[in-house]
Amino acid sequence: MGRLLASLVLLSAGWAAQADSPAQADSPDPLSLLQSMARAGQNLNYRGSFTYEHRNAMESFRVYRWSDGERVVERLEYLNGPAGTAQQLNGMAGCQTTGYRLLNADVSPETVARLDRYYQLTVRGSDRVAGRETYTLEVRPRDQLRYGYLLGVDQKTGLLLKALLVDEQQRLLERFQFVDLDINPDAEALPEEAEQRPENHTDCLDAEAGQPTRWSLNWLPPGFAYSGEKRLPNGIDMLMYTDGLASFSVFLQPVASSSEIAGRAHRGATSAFMGQLATDNQQYRVTVVGEIPGAVAEQLAQGITPLSGPREATTP
């Protein structure tokens, strides 16, 4: 999974030191900084390398992003592990690490207003990331239902260059950070440069939003909203929810019997809970995965209702 981190303790200490530093008098408004970050993620062409750290592992990536006038193409090349592998991404949250997904956030005015209600947003001075000057934006949750962020936002473009995620005890869960970046390179040369590498294509097309058609949740953490659903192979239903920064997905898979593995798991900031749901004639494996505390994932899994009639969720 990557190289052993030198010290998570030092990284956590770095979060605490930056979060406690005062904001500079000429710092931008935090809400306008979020909107600038969203615009940069949608409009910029770039290539660069970044690292993604979680627990005792680190992964490295090369990213290419360009627009051909009709669509935006994003390609990731894994720099460690098996050589020559890549993914082509088109924005679905379940296909991306937290930091990479934040690069492409769609922070509308309505979403920003919701974020301000459930997060305390503060600009904490400046920093340098990948040789570029950044603003440090602290995003501290106002409850225990979501994680906190420390974001490094490029001062010239608004592009997100660094993201640290911490839990309610201020323990570091994930770290995403660019180590080199070339903004607005020759857009015509980027496709050829990226596609010279073997590709392991991943279909990550956005799911349609609107309203759920097959399942609903009896409870949502305040601030989270339904963002889409998709029918996956093998009859698996997937529902997606987000508060504008954090997101989680609910998977419901038909199974033959009720003797299934259940419980919690964690990978960096991503929590997962697996349980079961019984119908009159069918058992389902229920899995909730996202950047939320484990207890929240479990509560969500226990409150799923089919829109066609009552069914009962069970846990061991």
C-alpha atoms as a PDB file:
ATOM      1  CA  MET A   1       0.000   0.000   0.000  1.00  0.00           C
ATOM      2  CA  GLY A   2       2.928   2.355   0.032  1.00  0.00           C
ATOM      3  CA  ARG A   3       5.726   3.550   2.309  1.00  0.00           C
ATOM      4  CA  LEU A   4       5.644   3.809   6.090  1.00  0.00           C
ATOM      5  CA  LEU A   5       5.061   7.377   7.300  1.00  0.00           C
ATOM      6  CA  ALA A   6       7.894   8.880   9.313  1.00  0.00           C
ATOM      7  CA  SER A   7       5.611  10.096  12.079  1.00  0.00           C
ATOM      8  CA  LEU A   8       1.856  10.682  12.291  1.00  0.00           C
ATOM      9  CA  VAL A   9       2.507  12.391  15.606  1.00  0.00           C
ATOM     10  CA  LEU A  10       4.468  15.160  13.881  1.00  0.00           C
ATOM     11  CA  LEU A  11       1.739  15.595  11.284  1.00  0.00           C
ATOM     12  CA  SER A  12      -0.903  15.908  13.996  1.00  0.00           C
ATOM     13  CA  ALA A  13       1.241  18.453  15.806  1.00  0.00           C
ATOM     14  CA  GLY A  14       1.489  20.430  12.563  1.00  0.00           C
ATOM     15  CA  TRP A  15      -2.332  20.549  12.358  1.00  0.00           C
ATOM     16  CA  ALA A  16      -2.621  21.840  15.921  1.00  0.00           C
ATOM     17  CA  ALA A  17       0.035  24.516  15.444  1.00  0.00           C
ATOM     18  CA  GLN A  18      -1.501  25.848  12.238  1.00  0.00           C
ATOM     19  CA  ALA A  19      -5.069  25.709  13.559  1.00  0.00           C
ATOM     20  CA  ASP A  20      -4.117  27.822  16.580  1.00  0.00           C
ATOM     21  CA  SER A  21      -2.302  30.497  14.572  1.00  0.00           C
ATOM     22  CA  PRO A  22      -4.139  33.828  14.124  1.00  0.00           C
ATOM     23  CA  ALA A  23      -5.642  34.893  10.835  1.00  0.00           C
ATOM     24  CA  GLN A  24      -3.841  37.644   8.916  1.00  0.00           C
ATOM     25  CA  ALA A  25      -5.538  40.999   8.503  1.00  0.00           C
ATOM     26  CA  ASP A  26      -5.440  40.790   4.683  1.00  0.00           C
ATOM     27  CA  SER A  27      -6.736  37.211   4.498  1.00  0.00           C
ATOM     28  CA  PRO A  28      -9.754  36.601   2.245  1.00  0.00           C
ATOM     29  CA  ASP A  29     -13.206  35.787   3.522  1.00  0.00           C
ATOM     30  CA  PRO A  30     -13.357  31.992   4.103  1.00  0.00           C
ATOM     31  CA  LEU A  31     -16.611  31.559   2.162  1.00  0.00           C
ATOM     32  CA  SER A  32     -15.235  33.390  -0.881  1.00  0.00           C
ATOM     33  CA  LEU A  33     -12.101  31.244  -0.611  1.00  0.00           C
ATOM     34  CA  LEU A  34     -14.234  28.091  -0.812  1.00  0.00           C
ATOM     35  CA  GLN A  35     -16.018  29.418  -3.885  1.00  0.00           C
ATOM     36  CA  SER A  36     -12.681  30.302  -5.469  1.00  0.00           C
ATOM     37  CA  MET A  37     -11.543  26.722  -4.791  1.00  0.00           C
ATOM     38  CA  ALA A  38     -14.637  25.352  -6.520  1.00  0.00           C
ATOM     39  CA  ARG A  39     -14.141  27.530  -9.610  1.00  0.00           C
ATOM     40  CA  ALA A  40     -10.472  26.538  -9.868  1.00  0.00           C
ATOM     41  CA  GLY A  41     -11.341  22.847  -9.709  1.00  0.00           C
ATOM     42  CA  GLN A  42     -13.732  23.262 -12.630  1.00  0.00           C
ATOM     43  CA  ASN A  43     -11.776  25.587 -14.912  1.00  0.00           C
ATOM     44  CA  LEU A  44      -8.045  24.889 -14.654  1.00  0.00           C
ATOM     45  CA  ASN A  45      -5.887  22.636 -16.789  1.00  0.00           C
ATOM     46  CA  TYR A  46      -2.944  21.217 -14.868  1.00  0.00           C
ATOM     47  CA  ARG A  47      -0.600  18.314 -14.260  1.00  0.00           C
ATOM     48  CA  GLY A  48       1.261  17.455 -11.100  1.00  0.00           C
ATOM     49  CA  SER A  49       2.170  14.901  -8.471  1.00  0.00           C
ATOM     50  CA  PHE A  50       0.592  14.474  -5.060  1.00  0.00           C
ATOM     51  CA  THR A  51       0.734  12.132  -2.099  1.00  0.00           C
ATOM     52  CA  TYR A  52      -2.124  10.579  -0.160  1.00  0.00           C
ATOM     53  CA  GLU A  53      -1.320   9.400   3.380  1.00  0.00           C
ATOM     54  CA  HIS A  54      -3.577   7.388   5.686  1.00  0.00           C
ATOM     55  CA  ARG A  55      -2.682   5.569   8.889  1.00  0.00           C
ATOM     56  CA  ASN A  56       0.727   3.959   8.226  1.00  0.00           C
ATOM     57  CA  ALA A  57       0.651   4.047   4.429  1.00  0.00           C
ATOM     58  CA  MET A  58       1.415   6.549   1.698  1.00  0.00           C
ATOM     59  CA  GLU A  59       0.452   6.439  -1.983  1.00  0.00           C
ATOM     60  CA  SER A  60       1.780   8.696  -4.741  1.00  0.00           C
ATOM     61  CA  PHE A  61      -0.033   9.813  -7.888  1.00  0.00           C
ATOM     62  CA  ARG A  62       0.511  11.754 -11.072  1.00  0.00           C
ATOM     63  CA  VAL A  63      -2.564  13.675 -12.194  1.00  0.00           C
ATOM     64  CA  TYR A  64      -3.462  15.186 -15.571  1.00  0.00           C
ATOM     65  CA  ARG A  65      -6.521  17.354 -16.032  1.00  0.00           C
ATOM     66  CA  TRP A  66      -7.676  19.114 -19.185  1.00  0.00           C
ATOM     67  CA  SER A  67     -10.761  20.198 -21.104  1.00  0.00           C
ATOM     68  CA  ASP A  68     -11.283  19.443 -24.781  1.00  0.00           C
ATOM     69  CA  GLY A  69     -14.128  21.963 -25.068  1.00  0.00           C
ATOM     70  CA  GLU A  70     -16.904  19.423 -24.519  1.00  0.00           C
ATOM     71  CA  ARG A  71     -15.794  17.440 -21.483  1.00  0.00           C
ATOM     72  CA  VAL A  72     -13.280  17.514 -18.677  1.00  0.00           C
ATOM     73  CA  VAL A  73     -10.877  14.569 -18.522  1.00  0.00           C
ATOM     74  CA  GLU A  74      -8.939  13.620 -15.397  1.00  0.00           C
ATOM     75  CA  ARG A  75      -6.383  10.832 -15.328  1.00  0.00           C
ATOM     76  CA  LEU A  76      -4.471   9.406 -12.386  1.00  0.00           C
ATOM     77  CA  GLU A  77      -1.259   7.428 -12.677  1.00  0.00           C
ATOM     78  CA  TYR A  78      -0.184   5.442  -9.621  1.00  0.00           C
ATOM     79  CA  LEU A  79       3.499   6.095  -8.902  1.00  0.00           C
ATOM     80  CA  ASN A  80       3.900   3.252  -6.398  1.00  0.00           C
ATOM     81  CA  GLY A  81       2.614  -0.304  -6.449  1.00  0.00           C
ATOM     82  CA  PRO A  82       2.157  -2.106  -9.804  1.00  0.00           C
ATOM     83  CA  ALA A  83       3.750  -0.116 -12.612  1.00  0.00           C
ATOM     84  CA  GLY A  84       1.803   1.391 -15.468  1.00  0.00           C
ATOM     85  CA  THR A  85      -1.666   1.454 -13.920  1.00  0.00           C
ATOM     86  CA  ALA A  86      -4.008   4.405 -14.321  1.00  0.00           C
ATOM     87  CA  GLN A  87      -7.598   5.461 -13.827  1.00  0.00           C
ATOM     88  CA  GLN A  88      -9.699   7.843 -15.852  1.00  0.00           C
ATOM     89  CA  LEU A  89     -12.098   9.690 -13.573  1.00  0.00           C
ATOM     90  CA  ASN A  90     -15.197  11.761 -14.221  1.00  0.00           C
ATOM     91  CA  GLY A  91     -16.126  13.024 -10.796  1.00  0.00           C
ATOM     92  CA  MET A  92     -18.128  10.429  -8.839  1.00  0.00           C
ATOM     93  CA  ALA A  93     -17.274  10.629  -5.131  1.00  0.00           C
ATOM     94  CA  GLY A  94     -16.905   6.878  -4.694  1.00  0.00           C
ATOM     95  CA  CYS A  95     -14.031   6.777  -7.200  1.00  0.00           C
ATOM     96  CA  GLN A  96     -11.756   9.247  -5.465  1.00  0.00           C
ATOM     97  CA  THR A  97      -9.795   9.875  -2.314  1.00  0.00           C
ATOM     98  CA  THR A  98     -11.107  12.712  -0.171  1.00  0.00           C
ATOM     99  CA  GLY A  99      -8.411  15.170  -1.152  1.00  0.00           C
ATOM    100  CA  TYR A 100      -8.702  14.480  -4.869  1.00  0.00           C
ATOM    101  CA  ARG A 101     -12.485  14.841  -4.714  1.00  0.00           C
ATOM    102  CA  LEU A 102     -12.117  18.195  -2.933  1.00  0.00           C
ATOM    103  CA  LEU A 103     -10.150  19.415  -5.958  1.00  0.00           C
ATOM    104  CA  ASN A 104     -13.355  19.215  -7.973  1.00  0.00           C
ATOM    105  CA  ALA A 105     -15.894  20.405  -5.399  1.00  0.00           C
ATOM    106  CA  ASP A 106     -19.010  22.124  -6.720  1.00  0.00           C
ATOM    107  CA  VAL A 107     -19.487  24.675  -3.945  1.00  0.00           C
ATOM    108  CA  SER A 108     -22.630  26.562  -4.954  1.00  0.00           C
ATOM    109  CA  PRO A 109     -23.858  29.543  -2.870  1.00  0.00           C
ATOM    110  CA  GLU A 110     -26.466  27.249  -1.308  1.00  0.00           C
ATOM    111  CA  THR A 111     -23.817  24.688  -0.372  1.00  0.00           C
ATOM    112  CA  VAL A 112     -21.533  27.370   1.067  1.00  0.00           C
ATOM    113  CA  ALA A 113     -24.367  28.658   3.249  1.00  0.00           C
ATOM    114  CA  ARG A 114     -24.947  25.108   4.512  1.00  0.00           C
ATOM    115  CA  LEU A 115     -21.241  24.614   5.195  1.00  0.00           C
ATOM    116  CA  ASP A 116     -21.142  27.779   7.279  1.00  0.00           C
ATOM    117  CA  ARG A 117     -23.989  26.420   9.380  1.00  0.00           C
ATOM    118  CA  TYR A 118     -22.315  23.101  10.196  1.00  0.00           C
ATOM    119  CA  TYR A 119     -18.629  24.080  10.068  1.00  0.00           C
ATOM    120  CA  GLN A 120     -16.683  26.949  11.615  1.00  0.00           C
ATOM    121  CA  LEU A 121     -14.610  28.415   8.761  1.00  0.00           C
ATOM    122  CA  THR A 122     -11.473  30.417   9.544  1.00  0.00           C
ATOM    123  CA  VAL A 123      -8.509  31.547   7.433  1.00  0.00           C
ATOM    124  CA  ARG A 124      -5.392  30.794   9.513  1.00  0.00           C
ATOM    125  CA  GLY A 125      -2.648  32.737   7.763  1.00  0.00           C
ATOM    126  CA  SER A 126      -0.547  31.427   4.883  1.00  0.00           C
ATOM    127  CA  ASP A 127       1.825  28.608   3.944  1.00  0.00           C
ATOM    128  CA  ARG A 128       3.767  27.218   0.964  1.00  0.00           C
ATOM    129  CA  VAL A 129       2.835  23.984  -0.807  1.00  0.00           C
ATOM    130  CA  ALA A 130       4.639  22.621  -3.893  1.00  0.00           C
ATOM    131  CA  GLY A 131       6.541  25.927  -4.069  1.00  0.00           C
ATOM    132  CA  ARG A 132       3.341  28.000  -4.229  1.00  0.00           C
ATOM    133  CA  GLU A 133       1.889  30.463  -1.722  1.00  0.00           C
ATOM    134  CA  THR A 134      -1.321  29.233  -0.103  1.00  0.00           C
ATOM    135  CA  TYR A 135      -3.976  30.389   2.331  1.00  0.00           C
ATOM    136  CA  THR A 136      -4.608  27.993   5.217  1.00  0.00           C
ATOM    137  CA  LEU A 137      -8.343  27.431   5.702  1.00  0.00           C
ATOM    138  CA  GLU A 138      -9.499  25.671   8.864  1.00  0.00           C
ATOM    139  CA  VAL A 139     -12.851  23.889   8.560  1.00  0.00           C
ATOM    140  CA  ARG A 140     -13.853  22.858  12.081  1.00  0.00           C
ATOM    141  CA  PRO A 141     -17.125  20.916  12.551  1.00  0.00           C
ATOM    142  CA  ARG A 142     -19.728  22.339  14.917  1.00  0.00           C
ATOM    143  CA  ASP A 143     -20.858  18.830  15.972  1.00  0.00           C
ATOM    144  CA  GLN A 144     -19.517  15.276  16.389  1.00  0.00           C
ATOM    145  CA  LEU A 145     -21.126  13.974  13.191  1.00  0.00           C
ATOM    146  CA  ARG A 146     -18.348  14.887  10.738  1.00  0.00           C
ATOM    147  CA  TYR A 147     -14.589  15.397  10.532  1.00  0.00           C
ATOM    148  CA  GLY A 148     -12.484  18.543  10.460  1.00  0.00           C
ATOM    149  CA  TYR A 149     -10.285  19.794   7.613  1.00  0.00           C
ATOM    150  CA  LEU A 150      -7.225  21.970   7.230  1.00  0.00           C
ATOM    151  CA  LEU A 151      -7.000  23.110   3.608  1.00  0.00           C
ATOM    152  CA  GLY A 152      -4.147  24.752   1.732  1.00  0.00           C
ATOM    153  CA  VAL A 153      -5.629  26.877  -1.087  1.00  0.00           C
ATOM    154  CA  ASP A 154      -3.416  28.388  -3.796  1.00  0.00           C
ATOM    155  CA  GLN A 155      -3.447  32.176  -3.465  1.00  0.00           C
ATOM    156  CA  LYS A 156      -3.252  32.857  -7.234  1.00  0.00           C
ATOM    157  CA  THR A 157      -5.656  30.267  -8.646  1.00  0.00           C
ATOM    158  CA  GLY A 158      -7.781  29.003  -5.743  1.00  0.00           C
ATOM    159  CA  LEU A 159      -6.740  25.400  -6.460  1.00  0.00           C
ATOM    160  CA  LEU A 160      -6.661  23.085  -3.448  1.00  0.00           C
ATOM    161  CA  LEU A 161      -3.036  22.017  -2.878  1.00  0.00           C
ATOM    162  CA  LYS A 162      -3.264  20.355   0.548  1.00  0.00           C
ATOM    163  CA  ALA A 163      -5.941  18.774   2.746  1.00  0.00           C
ATOM    164  CA  LEU A 164      -5.572  17.336   6.242  1.00  0.00           C
ATOM    165  CA  LEU A 165      -8.500  15.473   7.819  1.00  0.00           C
ATOM    166  CA  VAL A 166      -8.780  14.981  11.570  1.00  0.00           C
ATOM    167  CA  ASP A 167     -11.294  13.267  13.838  1.00  0.00           C
ATOM    168  CA  GLU A 168     -13.077  14.644  16.901  1.00  0.00           C
ATOM    169  CA  GLN A 169      -9.925  14.048  19.022  1.00  0.00           C
ATOM    170  CA  GLN A 170      -7.803  16.035  16.522  1.00  0.00           C
ATOM    171  CA  ARG A 171      -6.048  12.842  15.365  1.00  0.00           C
ATOM    172  CA  LEU A 172      -4.810  12.935  11.788  1.00  0.00           C
ATOM    173  CA  LEU A 173      -6.754  10.556   9.546  1.00  0.00           C
ATOM    174  CA  GLU A 174      -5.673  11.523   6.033  1.00  0.00           C
ATOM    175  CA  ARG A 175      -3.288  13.903   4.338  1.00  0.00           C
ATOM    176  CA  PHE A 176      -3.431  14.888   0.660  1.00  0.00           C
ATOM    177  CA  GLN A 177      -0.725  17.229  -0.688  1.00  0.00           C
ATOM    178  CA  PHE A 178       0.754  18.257  -4.025  1.00  0.00           C
ATOM    179  CA  VAL A 179       4.532  18.006  -4.271  1.00  0.00           C
ATOM    180  CA  ASP A 180       4.829  19.555  -7.759  1.00  0.00           C
ATOM    181  CA  LEU A 181       2.340  21.314  -9.978  1.00  0.00           C
ATOM    182  CA  ASP A 182       2.268  22.796 -13.495  1.00  0.00           C
ATOM    183  CA  ILE A 183      -0.786  25.011 -13.964  1.00  0.00           C
ATOM    184  CA  ASN A 184      -2.175  25.708 -17.440  1.00  0.00           C
ATOM    185  CA  PRO A 185       0.354  23.678 -19.472  1.00  0.00           C
ATOM    186  CA  ASP A 186      -0.166  23.118 -23.194  1.00  0.00           C
ATOM    187  CA  ALA A 187      -3.681  21.638 -23.189  1.00  0.00           C
ATOM    188  CA  GLU A 188      -3.220  20.055 -26.634  1.00  0.00           C
ATOM    189  CA  ALA A 189      -0.162  18.115 -25.444  1.00  0.00           C
ATOM    190  CA  LEU A 190      -1.714  16.813 -22.212  1.00  0.00           C
ATOM    191  CA  PRO A 191      -3.919  14.066 -23.745  1.00  0.00           C
ATOM    192  CA  GLU A 192      -1.003  12.587 -25.682  1.00  0.00           C
ATOM    193  CA  GLU A 193       1.289  12.778 -22.663  1.00  0.00           C
ATOM    194  CA  ALA A 194      -1.251  11.129 -20.354  1.00  0.00           C
ATOM    195  CA  GLU A 195      -2.405   8.434 -22.764  1.00  0.00           C
ATOM    196  CA  GLN A 196       1.107   7.166 -23.454  1.00  0.00           C
ATOM    197  CA  ARG A 197       0.653   5.064 -20.307  1.00  0.00           C
ATOM    198  CA  PRO A 198      -1.357   1.823 -20.074  1.00  0.00           C
ATOM    199  CA  GLU A 199      -4.857   2.466 -18.779  1.00  0.00           C
ATOM    200  CA  ASN A 200      -7.012   0.548 -16.325  1.00  0.00           C
ATOM    201  CA  HIS A 201     -10.245   2.374 -17.092  1.00  0.00           C
ATOM    202  CA  THR A 202     -12.699   2.966 -14.258  1.00  0.00           C
ATOM    203  CA  ASP A 203     -16.264   4.000 -15.096  1.00  0.00           C
ATOM    204  CA  CYS A 204     -17.028   6.816 -12.669  1.00  0.00           C
ATOM    205  CA  LEU A 205     -19.840   8.634 -14.403  1.00  0.00           C
ATOM    206  CA  ASP A 206     -22.013  10.783 -12.191  1.00  0.00           C
ATOM    207  CA  ALA A 207     -25.213   9.226 -10.922  1.00  0.00           C
ATOM    208  CA  GLU A 208     -28.475  11.048 -11.530  1.00  0.00           C
ATOM    209  CA  ALA A 209     -29.712  13.206  -8.677  1.00  0.00           C
ATOM    210  CA  GLY A 210     -33.302  14.151  -7.909  1.00  0.00           C
ATOM    211  CA  GLN A 211     -35.029  11.907  -5.378  1.00  0.00           C
ATOM    212  CA  PRO A 212     -34.326   8.281  -4.329  1.00  0.00           C
ATOM    213  CA  THR A 213     -36.477   5.787  -6.209  1.00  0.00           C
ATOM    214  CA  ARG A 214     -35.983   2.521  -4.275  1.00  0.00           C
ATOM    215  CA  TRP A 215     -34.645   3.286  -0.783  1.00  0.00           C
ATOM    216  CA  SER A 216     -34.663   6.095   1.773  1.00  0.00           C
ATOM    217  CA  LEU A 217     -32.842   6.815   5.028  1.00  0.00           C
ATOM    218  CA  ASN A 218     -34.848   7.326   8.203  1.00  0.00           C
ATOM    219  CA  TRP A 219     -32.157   9.648   9.575  1.00  0.00           C
ATOM    220  CA  LEU A 220     -29.531  11.929   8.051  1.00  0.00           C
ATOM    221  CA  PRO A 221     -26.825  13.877   9.907  1.00  0.00           C
ATOM    222  CA  PRO A 222     -27.853  17.558   9.818  1.00  0.00           C
ATOM    223  CA  GLY A 223     -26.495  19.302   6.730  1.00  0.00           C
ATOM    224  CA  PHE A 224     -26.229  16.186   4.557  1.00  0.00           C
ATOM    225  CA  ALA A 225     -28.409  15.918   1.461  1.00  0.00           C
ATOM    226  CA  TYR A 226     -29.137  13.253  -1.137  1.00  0.00           C
ATOM    227  CA  SER A 227     -26.916  13.687  -4.224  1.00  0.00           C
ATOM    228  CA  GLY A 228     -27.737  10.720  -6.467  1.00  0.00           C
ATOM    229  CA  GLU A 229     -28.255   7.010  -6.886  1.00  0.00           C
ATOM    230  CA  LYS A 230     -27.032   4.345  -9.285  1.00  0.00           C
ATOM    231  CA  ARG A 231     -27.788   0.700 -10.077  1.00  0.00           C
ATOM    232  CA  LEU A 232     -24.507  -1.252 -10.123  1.00  0.00           C
ATOM    233  CA  PRO A 233     -23.838  -4.767 -11.464  1.00  0.00           C
ATOM    234  CA  ASN A 234     -25.262  -7.779  -9.567  1.00  0.00           C
ATOM    235  CA  GLY A 235     -28.356  -5.838  -8.534  1.00  0.00           C
ATOM    236  CA  ILE A 236     -26.497  -3.514  -6.113  1.00  0.00           C
ATOM    237  CA  ASP A 237     -28.191  -0.198  -5.343  1.00  0.00           C
ATOM    238  CA  MET A 238     -25.970   2.769  -4.462  1.00  0.00           C
ATOM    239  CA  LEU A 239     -27.170   6.006  -2.847  1.00  0.00           C
ATOM    240  CA  MET A 240     -24.927   9.048  -2.309  1.00  0.00           C
ATOM    241  CA  TYR A 241     -25.136  11.908   0.202  1.00  0.00           C
ATOM    242  CA  THR A 242     -22.956  14.956   0.879  1.00  0.00           C
ATOM    243  CA  ASP A 243     -22.786  18.083   3.017  1.00  0.00           C
ATOM    244  CA  GLY A 244     -20.628  19.871   0.437  1.00  0.00           C
ATOM    245  CA  LEU A 245     -17.292  18.615   1.801  1.00  0.00           C
ATOM    246  CA  ALA A 246     -17.804  15.205   3.364  1.00  0.00           C
ATOM    247  CA  SER A 247     -19.758  12.462   1.614  1.00  0.00           C
ATOM    248  CA  PHE A 248     -20.942   8.928   2.182  1.00  0.00           C
ATOM    249  CA  SER A 249     -22.488   6.190   0.077  1.00  0.00           C
ATOM    250  CA  VAL A 250     -24.979   3.456   0.950  1.00  0.00           C
ATOM    251  CA  PHE A 251     -24.786   0.110  -0.883  1.00  0.00           C
ATOM    252  CA  LEU A 252     -27.538  -2.517  -0.786  1.00  0.00           C
ATOM    253  CA  GLN A 253     -26.648  -5.903  -2.268  1.00  0.00           C
ATOM    254  CA  PRO A 254     -29.000  -8.909  -2.490  1.00  0.00           C
ATOM    255  CA  VAL A 255     -27.514 -11.977  -0.748  1.00  0.00           C
ATOM    256  CA  ALA A 256     -28.589 -15.590  -0.478  1.00  0.00           C
ATOM    257  CA  SER A 257     -28.561 -15.923   3.312  1.00  0.00           C
ATOM    258  CA  SER A 258     -28.283 -13.891   6.521  1.00  0.00           C
ATOM    259  CA  SER A 259     -24.930 -15.423   7.579  1.00  0.00           C
ATOM    260  CA  GLU A 260     -22.844 -12.455   6.447  1.00  0.00           C
ATOM    261  CA  ILE A 261     -19.866 -10.637   7.959  1.00  0.00           C
ATOM    262  CA  ALA A 262     -20.882  -7.467   9.796  1.00  0.00           C
ATOM    263  CA  GLY A 263     -19.138  -4.707  11.754  1.00  0.00           C
ATOM    264  CA  ARG A 264     -17.008  -1.576  11.369  1.00  0.00           C
ATOM    265  CA  ALA A 265     -13.814  -0.880   9.441  1.00  0.00           C
ATOM    266  CA  HIS A 266     -11.621   2.204   8.907  1.00  0.00           C
ATOM    267  CA  ARG A 267      -9.146   3.348   6.275  1.00  0.00           C
ATOM    268  CA  GLY A 268      -7.819   6.802   6.992  1.00  0.00           C
ATOM    269  CA  ALA A 269     -10.803   9.131   7.218  1.00  0.00           C
ATOM    270  CA  THR A 270     -13.089   6.612   5.521  1.00  0.00           C
ATOM    271  CA  SER A 271     -15.361   4.637   7.827  1.00  0.00           C
ATOM    272  CA  ALA A 272     -17.392   1.625   6.762  1.00  0.00           C
ATOM    273  CA  PHE A 273     -20.156  -0.287   8.488  1.00  0.00           C
ATOM    274  CA  MET A 274     -21.674  -3.487   7.175  1.00  0.00           C
ATOM    275  CA  GLY A 275     -24.991  -4.893   8.374  1.00  0.00           C
ATOM    276  CA  GLN A 276     -28.017  -6.687   6.978  1.00  0.00           C
ATOM    277  CA  LEU A 277     -31.531  -5.844   5.949  1.00  0.00           C
ATOM    278  CA  ALA A 278     -34.345  -8.402   5.792  1.00  0.00           C
ATOM    279  CA  THR A 279     -37.371  -8.310   3.508  1.00  0.00           C
ATOM    280  CA  ASP A 280     -40.236 -10.773   3.195  1.00  0.00           C
ATOM    281  CA  ASN A 281     -38.391 -12.791   0.570  1.00  0.00           C
ATOM    282  CA  GLN A 282     -34.922 -11.266   0.281  1.00  0.00           C
ATOM    283  CA  GLN A 283     -31.843 -10.551   2.406  1.00  0.00           C
ATOM    284  CA  TYR A 284     -29.604  -7.564   1.644  1.00  0.00           C
ATOM    285  CA  ARG A 285     -26.088  -6.721   2.720  1.00  0.00           C
ATOM    286  CA  VAL A 286     -26.049  -3.049   3.752  1.00  0.00           C
ATOM    287  CA  THR A 287     -22.757  -1.150   3.601  1.00  0.00           C
ATOM    288  CA  VAL A 288     -22.258   2.517   4.489  1.00  0.00           C
ATOM    289  CA  VAL A 289     -18.917   4.028   3.418  1.00  0.00           C
ATOM    290  CA  GLY A 290     -17.735   7.626   3.733  1.00  0.00           C
ATOM    291  CA  GLU A 291     -15.826  10.368   5.518  1.00  0.00           C
ATOM    292  CA  ILE A 292     -17.948  10.132   8.667  1.00  0.00           C
ATOM    293  CA  PRO A 293     -17.354   8.700  12.166  1.00  0.00           C
ATOM    294  CA  GLY A 294     -17.956   4.961  12.520  1.00  0.00           C
ATOM    295  CA  ALA A 295     -20.864   5.422  14.915  1.00  0.00           C
ATOM    296  CA  VAL A 296     -22.620   7.642  12.361  1.00  0.00           C
ATOM    297  CA  ALA A 297     -22.139   5.029   9.629  1.00  0.00           C
ATOM    298  CA  GLU A 298     -23.661   2.371  11.886  1.00  0.00           C
ATOM    299  CA  GLN A 299     -26.682   4.519  12.735  1.00  0.00           C
ATOM    300  CA  LEU A 300     -27.262   5.200   9.049  1.00  0.00           C
ATOM    301  CA  ALA A 301     -27.109   1.491   8.182  1.00  0.00           C
ATOM    302  CA  GLN A 302     -29.748   0.677  10.782  1.00  0.00           C
ATOM    303  CA  GLY A 303     -32.264   3.179   9.411  1.00  0.00           C
ATOM    304  CA  ILE A 304     -32.868   2.208   5.781  1.00  0.00           C
ATOM    305  CA  THR A 305     -36.418   1.860   4.447  1.00  0.00           C
ATOM    306  CA  PRO A 306     -37.543   0.624   1.016  1.00  0.00           C
ATOM    307  CA  LEU A 307     -39.853   3.015  -0.745  1.00  0.00           C
ATOM    308  CA  SER A 308     -42.069   0.084  -1.772  1.00  0.00           C
ATOM    309  CA  GLY A 309     -42.803  -1.109   1.774  1.00  0.00           C
ATOM    310  CA  PRO A 310     -41.415  -1.832   5.268  1.00  0.00           C
ATOM    311  CA  ARG A 311     -38.268  -3.901   5.712  1.00  0.00           C
ATOM    312  CA  GLU A 312     -36.123  -4.524   8.749  1.00  0.00           C
ATOM    313  CA  ALA A 313     -32.413  -3.732   9.056  1.00  0.00           C
ATOM    314  CA  THR A 314     -30.454  -6.033  11.335  1.00  0.00           C
ATOM    315  CA  THR A 315     -26.986  -6.119  12.868  1.00  0.00           C
ATOM    316  CA  PRO A 316     -25.226  -8.959  14.694  1.00  0.00           C
END
